[in-house]
Amino acid sequence: MTFLTGKRILVTGGAGFLGQPVCQELQKYRPGAIFVPRSADYDLRDAAAVRRLFQMQRPEVVVHLAAVVGGIGANRKNPGRFFYENAIMGLQLMEEARRAGVDKFVGVGTICSYPKHTPVPFREEDLWNGYPEETNAPYGLAKKMLLVQAQAYRQQFGFNAITLLLVNLYGPRDNFDLEASHVIPALIRKAIEARRARQDYMTVWGTGAASREFLFVRDAAAAIAGAADLYNEAAPVNIGSGREISIRDLVTLICELVGFKGEIRWDRSQPDGQPRRCLDTTRAQRAFGFHARTDFREGLTETIAWYEKELAVQLDLVMSNG
């Protein structure tokens, strides 16, 4: 028996890239039921729809994964939308969870909430020591306000809300749309397209000097489920691999795995984003025994293979529809 055993669990965004692995992990705890609300039925931006969701499903645990996200380009184009929709979904969901007497609320935040020049590795205590990197500050601050809400509700109402801060994720079923994707799927797609077109070079944004930390999606799912079961404190918790890689080295590795041998040209007119990102993950290890298990190269290889297979399926469909 665990805390989650027999519980009715609501997972927003449960049909998505992260949501499906999270639901699979939660099943290991033998919950009573897992509900995944569809946006067509319950618009989380609409307070009445959120209230109806709790009346209909009566969850005992809420895992809030639903978010409006994207890479640097998408953040620059949609700062208002990214701020409003991420904030309003979380604010209303947590308020209705409190009103409904939910046992636990698991909020999933982002590394984008950290200040632009946070010393590496990022420690949870550094979260309020400055303003986030400008290109994704609206998204990061919207998620940060949900941490404030969670801590305020715990203080005033005794509401058990926890907050997890995730690094950039990657893995099969990621979003490979260049207008909205994060760095790894964008680079994989660019490299594959360049290889297929037999291009002499590939253009990449920035200078390559920035660094990032990445976490395989199934590792992230295991962390979220473990925290939902075991973690019950007000302090936010970093969820990551604890391994840093420069964008330049990342591009080199992806091109090697994809088989693109052309030149890499850096578009220095485009932003690098936050200079460095790497988390201190000792709190997660101590609090609920989490550490990332997937080797980065192996995770990238699986992700590339999945995308290549998807491209083959799409080509077959085009050919069959002739």
Protein backbone atom coordinates (compact mmCIF):
# COMPACT_ATOMS: atom_id res chain seq x y z
CA MET A 1 0.00 0.00 0.00
CA THR A 2 1.19 3.51 -0.87
CA PHE A 3 -0.39 6.94 -0.61
CA LEU A 4 -1.59 6.67 -4.22
CA THR A 5 -3.03 3.17 -3.91
CA GLY A 6 -6.78 3.27 -4.48
CA LYS A 7 -6.81 7.03 -5.11
CA ARG A 8 -8.79 8.70 -7.88
CA ILE A 9 -6.14 10.67 -9.80
CA LEU A 10 -6.79 13.49 -12.26
CA VAL A 11 -3.93 14.13 -14.73
CA THR A 12 -4.29 17.29 -16.81
CA GLY A 13 -2.35 17.02 -20.05
CA GLY A 14 -2.40 13.27 -19.53
CA ALA A 15 -2.73 12.51 -23.24
CA GLY A 16 0.41 14.49 -24.13
CA PHE A 17 4.11 13.87 -24.59
CA LEU A 18 4.80 13.82 -20.83
CA GLY A 19 1.30 12.91 -19.74
CA GLN A 20 1.14 9.43 -21.25
CA PRO A 21 4.35 8.21 -19.54
CA VAL A 22 3.18 9.80 -16.26
CA CYS A 23 -0.11 7.91 -16.43
CA GLN A 24 1.80 4.68 -17.11
CA GLU A 25 4.02 5.30 -14.07
CA LEU A 26 1.05 6.13 -11.86
CA GLN A 27 -0.55 2.79 -12.77
CA LYS A 28 2.32 1.06 -10.96
CA TYR A 29 0.97 2.48 -7.67
CA ARG A 30 -2.42 0.75 -8.21
CA PRO A 31 -4.66 3.83 -8.10
CA GLY A 32 -8.40 3.50 -7.97
CA ALA A 33 -8.72 5.33 -11.29
CA ILE A 34 -6.85 7.78 -13.50
CA PHE A 35 -8.82 10.47 -15.35
CA VAL A 36 -7.43 12.46 -18.28
CA PRO A 37 -9.67 15.44 -19.12
CA ARG A 38 -9.87 16.42 -22.78
CA SER A 39 -9.77 20.10 -23.67
CA ALA A 40 -12.85 19.67 -25.86
CA ASP A 41 -14.80 18.62 -22.75
CA TYR A 42 -13.10 20.73 -20.08
CA ASP A 43 -11.39 23.98 -21.07
CA LEU A 44 -9.05 24.62 -18.14
CA ARG A 45 -9.03 28.33 -18.95
CA ASP A 46 -12.77 28.45 -18.10
CA ALA A 47 -13.55 28.54 -14.37
CA ALA A 48 -17.00 26.97 -14.84
CA ALA A 49 -15.52 24.09 -16.84
CA VAL A 50 -12.89 23.46 -14.16
CA ARG A 51 -15.56 23.46 -11.45
CA ARG A 52 -17.64 20.99 -13.49
CA LEU A 53 -14.56 18.78 -13.93
CA PHE A 54 -14.20 18.37 -10.16
CA GLN A 55 -17.93 17.80 -9.69
CA MET A 56 -17.98 15.08 -12.35
CA GLN A 57 -14.72 13.25 -11.62
CA ARG A 58 -14.28 13.81 -7.85
CA PRO A 59 -10.48 13.36 -7.86
CA GLU A 60 -8.51 12.83 -4.66
CA VAL A 61 -5.15 13.66 -6.26
CA VAL A 62 -4.45 16.15 -9.06
CA VAL A 63 -1.31 16.06 -11.22
CA HIS A 64 -1.22 19.25 -13.29
CA LEU A 65 0.83 18.77 -16.46
CA ALA A 66 -1.21 20.77 -18.97
CA ALA A 67 0.73 23.75 -20.29
CA VAL A 68 1.19 25.98 -23.32
CA VAL A 69 4.87 25.57 -24.18
CA GLY A 70 7.42 26.00 -26.95
CA GLY A 71 11.00 26.87 -27.75
CA ILE A 72 12.64 30.29 -27.90
CA GLY A 73 10.85 31.26 -31.11
CA ALA A 74 7.40 30.36 -29.79
CA ASN A 75 8.06 32.18 -26.51
CA ARG A 76 9.10 35.33 -28.37
CA LYS A 77 5.96 35.27 -30.54
CA ASN A 78 3.44 34.47 -27.78
CA PRO A 79 4.54 36.07 -24.47
CA GLY A 80 1.06 37.26 -23.54
CA ARG A 81 -0.67 34.00 -24.41
CA PHE A 82 1.98 31.89 -22.68
CA PHE A 83 1.71 33.98 -19.51
CA TYR A 84 -2.08 34.17 -19.34
CA GLU A 85 -3.03 30.63 -20.32
CA ASN A 86 -0.44 28.92 -18.12
CA ALA A 87 -1.29 31.13 -15.16
CA ILE A 88 -5.08 30.95 -15.44
CA MET A 89 -5.16 27.17 -15.93
CA GLY A 90 -3.08 26.55 -12.83
CA LEU A 91 -4.73 29.19 -10.64
CA GLN A 92 -8.25 27.94 -11.33
CA LEU A 93 -7.33 24.28 -11.11
CA MET A 94 -5.65 24.65 -7.74
CA GLU A 95 -8.48 26.78 -6.33
CA GLU A 96 -11.12 24.25 -7.37
CA ALA A 97 -8.97 21.42 -6.02
CA ARG A 98 -8.81 23.20 -2.66
CA ARG A 99 -12.56 23.85 -2.65
CA ALA A 100 -13.23 20.20 -3.51
CA GLY A 101 -11.08 18.91 -0.63
CA VAL A 102 -8.48 17.20 -2.82
CA ASP A 103 -5.86 15.30 -0.79
CA LYS A 104 -2.86 16.40 -2.86
CA PHE A 105 -2.05 18.72 -5.75
CA VAL A 106 1.11 18.13 -7.79
CA GLY A 107 2.15 21.21 -9.75
CA VAL A 108 4.76 20.74 -12.48
CA GLY A 109 6.81 23.87 -13.03
CA THR A 110 9.84 24.69 -15.13
CA ILE A 111 13.52 25.50 -15.07
CA CYS A 112 12.54 28.66 -17.00
CA SER A 113 11.43 30.15 -13.66
CA TYR A 114 15.04 30.50 -12.49
CA PRO A 115 16.88 33.84 -12.80
CA LYS A 116 18.84 34.38 -16.00
CA HIS A 117 22.24 34.31 -14.31
CA THR A 118 21.64 31.63 -11.68
CA PRO A 119 24.94 30.00 -10.62
CA VAL A 120 25.35 26.43 -11.86
CA PRO A 121 24.15 24.05 -10.58
CA PHE A 122 20.76 25.69 -9.95
CA ARG A 123 19.65 25.20 -6.34
CA GLU A 124 16.05 25.64 -5.28
CA GLU A 125 17.15 28.39 -2.87
CA ASP A 126 18.28 30.48 -5.88
CA LEU A 127 14.82 30.66 -7.43
CA TRP A 128 14.04 34.21 -6.25
CA ASN A 129 17.46 35.80 -6.76
CA GLY A 130 16.68 37.58 -10.04
CA TYR A 131 14.53 37.88 -13.16
CA PRO A 132 14.24 34.97 -15.62
CA GLU A 133 15.84 35.00 -19.08
CA GLU A 134 13.82 37.47 -21.14
CA THR A 135 12.72 35.28 -24.05
CA ASN A 136 10.83 32.84 -21.81
CA ALA A 137 10.21 34.98 -18.72
CA PRO A 138 6.40 35.24 -19.16
CA TYR A 139 6.08 31.44 -19.24
CA GLY A 140 8.53 30.97 -16.38
CA LEU A 141 6.86 33.60 -14.21
CA ALA A 142 3.37 32.19 -14.85
CA LYS A 143 4.57 28.83 -13.55
CA LYS A 144 6.38 30.52 -10.67
CA MET A 145 3.13 32.14 -9.51
CA LEU A 146 1.64 28.67 -9.09
CA LEU A 147 4.44 27.90 -6.62
CA VAL A 148 3.42 31.04 -4.71
CA GLN A 149 -0.20 29.90 -4.78
CA ALA A 150 0.72 26.41 -3.59
CA GLN A 151 2.74 27.74 -0.65
CA ALA A 152 0.08 30.33 0.26
CA TYR A 153 -2.67 27.69 0.21
CA ARG A 154 -0.56 25.39 2.36
CA GLN A 155 0.00 28.20 4.87
CA GLN A 156 -3.60 29.42 5.06
CA PHE A 157 -5.67 26.31 4.31
CA GLY A 158 -3.34 23.40 5.08
CA PHE A 159 -3.65 22.37 1.44
CA ASN A 160 -1.09 19.75 0.41
CA ALA A 161 0.26 21.24 -2.83
CA ILE A 162 3.78 20.44 -4.05
CA THR A 163 5.82 21.95 -6.88
CA LEU A 164 8.33 20.21 -9.15
CA LEU A 165 10.74 22.17 -11.38
CA LEU A 166 11.52 20.24 -14.58
CA VAL A 167 14.40 20.74 -16.98
CA ASN A 168 13.98 20.44 -20.77
CA LEU A 169 12.53 17.05 -21.66
CA TYR A 170 13.10 14.92 -24.74
CA GLY A 171 12.03 11.53 -26.02
CA PRO A 172 9.66 9.71 -28.38
CA ARG A 173 6.40 11.51 -29.22
CA ASP A 174 7.92 14.95 -28.64
CA ASN A 175 6.72 17.96 -30.68
CA PHE A 176 8.82 18.19 -33.86
CA ASP A 177 7.05 21.27 -35.28
CA LEU A 178 9.85 23.79 -35.89
CA GLU A 179 7.54 26.69 -34.98
CA ALA A 180 6.83 25.35 -31.49
CA SER A 181 9.38 22.64 -30.66
CA HIS A 182 12.14 22.70 -28.06
CA VAL A 183 15.81 22.42 -28.95
CA ILE A 184 16.31 18.63 -29.24
CA PRO A 185 13.36 17.81 -31.53
CA ALA A 186 14.10 20.93 -33.59
CA LEU A 187 17.74 19.90 -34.08
CA ILE A 188 16.81 16.28 -34.86
CA ARG A 189 14.34 17.40 -37.52
CA LYS A 190 16.76 19.92 -39.05
CA ALA A 191 19.58 17.35 -39.19
CA ILE A 192 17.40 14.67 -40.76
CA GLU A 193 15.99 17.08 -43.34
CA ALA A 194 19.50 18.32 -44.17
CA ARG A 195 20.74 14.73 -44.56
CA ARG A 196 17.81 13.73 -46.76
CA ALA A 197 18.23 16.81 -48.94
CA ARG A 198 22.01 16.19 -49.12
CA GLN A 199 22.66 19.73 -48.00
CA ASP A 200 26.21 20.97 -47.54
CA TYR A 201 25.36 22.80 -44.33
CA MET A 202 22.75 23.24 -41.60
CA THR A 203 21.93 26.54 -39.87
CA VAL A 204 21.46 26.61 -36.09
CA TRP A 205 20.34 29.55 -33.93
CA GLY A 206 22.77 31.32 -31.60
CA THR A 207 26.45 30.81 -30.96
CA GLY A 208 26.45 27.28 -29.55
CA ALA A 209 28.03 28.54 -26.34
CA ALA A 210 24.92 28.20 -24.15
CA SER A 211 24.45 25.00 -22.17
CA ARG A 212 21.39 22.97 -21.30
CA GLU A 213 20.39 19.99 -19.20
CA PHE A 214 18.00 17.40 -20.61
CA LEU A 215 15.89 14.68 -19.03
CA PHE A 216 14.43 11.68 -20.83
CA VAL A 217 10.64 11.77 -20.69
CA ARG A 218 10.21 8.38 -18.95
CA ASP A 219 12.67 9.46 -16.23
CA ALA A 220 10.63 12.63 -15.72
CA ALA A 221 7.46 10.56 -15.46
CA ALA A 222 9.02 8.34 -12.79
CA ALA A 223 10.03 11.41 -10.80
CA ILE A 224 6.57 12.96 -10.97
CA ALA A 225 4.85 9.75 -9.87
CA GLY A 226 7.36 9.23 -7.07
CA ALA A 227 6.87 12.76 -5.79
CA ALA A 228 3.10 12.42 -6.01
CA ASP A 229 3.35 9.39 -3.76
CA LEU A 230 6.04 10.46 -1.28
CA TYR A 231 6.75 14.22 -1.25
CA ASN A 232 4.62 16.49 0.94
CA GLU A 233 6.65 19.66 1.57
CA ALA A 234 6.20 23.32 0.59
CA ALA A 235 9.69 23.72 -0.92
CA PRO A 236 9.98 23.23 -4.70
CA VAL A 237 12.04 20.31 -6.00
CA ASN A 238 14.36 20.26 -9.02
CA ILE A 239 13.79 17.36 -11.41
CA GLY A 240 16.62 16.76 -13.86
CA SER A 241 19.54 14.59 -14.85
CA GLY A 242 22.21 16.80 -13.27
CA ARG A 243 24.23 16.64 -16.53
CA GLU A 244 25.08 19.74 -18.58
CA ILE A 245 25.94 19.89 -22.29
CA SER A 246 26.73 22.86 -24.54
CA ILE A 247 24.47 23.46 -27.52
CA ARG A 248 27.53 23.14 -29.75
CA ASP A 249 28.29 19.66 -28.40
CA LEU A 250 24.61 18.74 -28.58
CA VAL A 251 24.45 19.67 -32.28
CA THR A 252 27.60 17.64 -32.96
CA LEU A 253 26.16 14.59 -31.20
CA ILE A 254 22.77 14.77 -32.93
CA CYS A 255 24.40 15.17 -36.35
CA GLU A 256 26.58 12.13 -35.62
CA LEU A 257 23.59 10.01 -34.58
CA VAL A 258 21.47 11.17 -37.52
CA GLY A 259 24.27 10.75 -40.05
CA PHE A 260 24.49 14.36 -41.25
CA LYS A 261 28.09 15.17 -42.19
CA GLY A 262 27.72 18.73 -43.49
CA GLU A 263 28.87 22.04 -42.04
CA ILE A 264 27.16 23.66 -39.04
CA ARG A 265 26.55 27.39 -39.54
CA TRP A 266 25.65 29.45 -36.46
CA ASP A 267 23.11 32.25 -36.90
CA ARG A 268 24.48 34.69 -34.32
CA SER A 269 21.66 37.15 -34.99
CA GLN A 270 19.37 34.79 -33.06
CA PRO A 271 19.41 34.50 -29.25
CA ASP A 272 21.13 31.81 -27.21
CA GLY A 273 18.55 32.05 -24.44
CA GLN A 274 19.69 31.48 -20.86
CA PRO A 275 23.52 31.20 -20.76
CA ARG A 276 23.65 27.98 -18.73
CA ARG A 277 21.20 25.48 -17.29
CA CYS A 278 22.01 22.63 -14.96
CA LEU A 279 20.20 21.58 -11.80
CA ASP A 280 21.25 20.45 -8.37
CA THR A 281 19.01 17.39 -7.94
CA THR A 282 20.04 16.33 -4.44
CA ARG A 283 16.70 17.32 -2.90
CA ALA A 284 14.81 14.94 -5.21
CA GLN A 285 17.26 12.15 -4.44
CA ARG A 286 16.91 12.72 -0.71
CA ALA A 287 13.14 13.29 -0.62
CA PHE A 288 11.88 10.47 -2.84
CA GLY A 289 14.92 8.62 -4.15
CA PHE A 290 14.88 9.98 -7.69
CA HIS A 291 17.83 9.90 -10.05
CA ALA A 292 17.82 9.82 -13.85
CA ARG A 293 18.52 6.38 -15.30
CA THR A 294 18.58 6.92 -19.07
CA ASP A 295 21.95 7.42 -20.75
CA PHE A 296 21.78 10.60 -22.86
CA ARG A 297 23.17 9.04 -26.02
CA GLU A 298 20.80 6.07 -25.72
CA GLY A 299 17.83 8.39 -25.12
CA LEU A 300 18.70 10.46 -28.19
CA THR A 301 19.10 7.31 -30.29
CA GLU A 302 15.62 6.11 -29.27
CA THR A 303 14.11 9.54 -29.95
CA ILE A 304 15.70 9.75 -33.41
CA ALA A 305 14.56 6.22 -34.28
CA TRP A 306 10.99 7.08 -33.26
CA TYR A 307 10.97 10.21 -35.43
CA GLU A 308 12.50 8.42 -38.43
CA LYS A 309 9.78 5.77 -38.12
CA GLU A 310 7.08 8.47 -37.98
CA LEU A 311 8.48 10.05 -41.12
CA ALA A 312 8.38 6.66 -42.86
CA VAL A 313 4.74 6.19 -41.83
CA GLN A 314 3.85 9.63 -43.15
CA LEU A 315 5.60 8.91 -46.44
CA ASP A 316 3.71 5.61 -46.79
CA LEU A 317 0.42 7.46 -46.22
CA VAL A 318 1.28 10.02 -48.89
CA MET A 319 2.25 7.28 -51.33
CA SER A 320 -0.88 5.22 -50.64
CA ASN A 321 -3.13 8.27 -51.10
CA GLY A 322 -1.20 8.97 -54.32
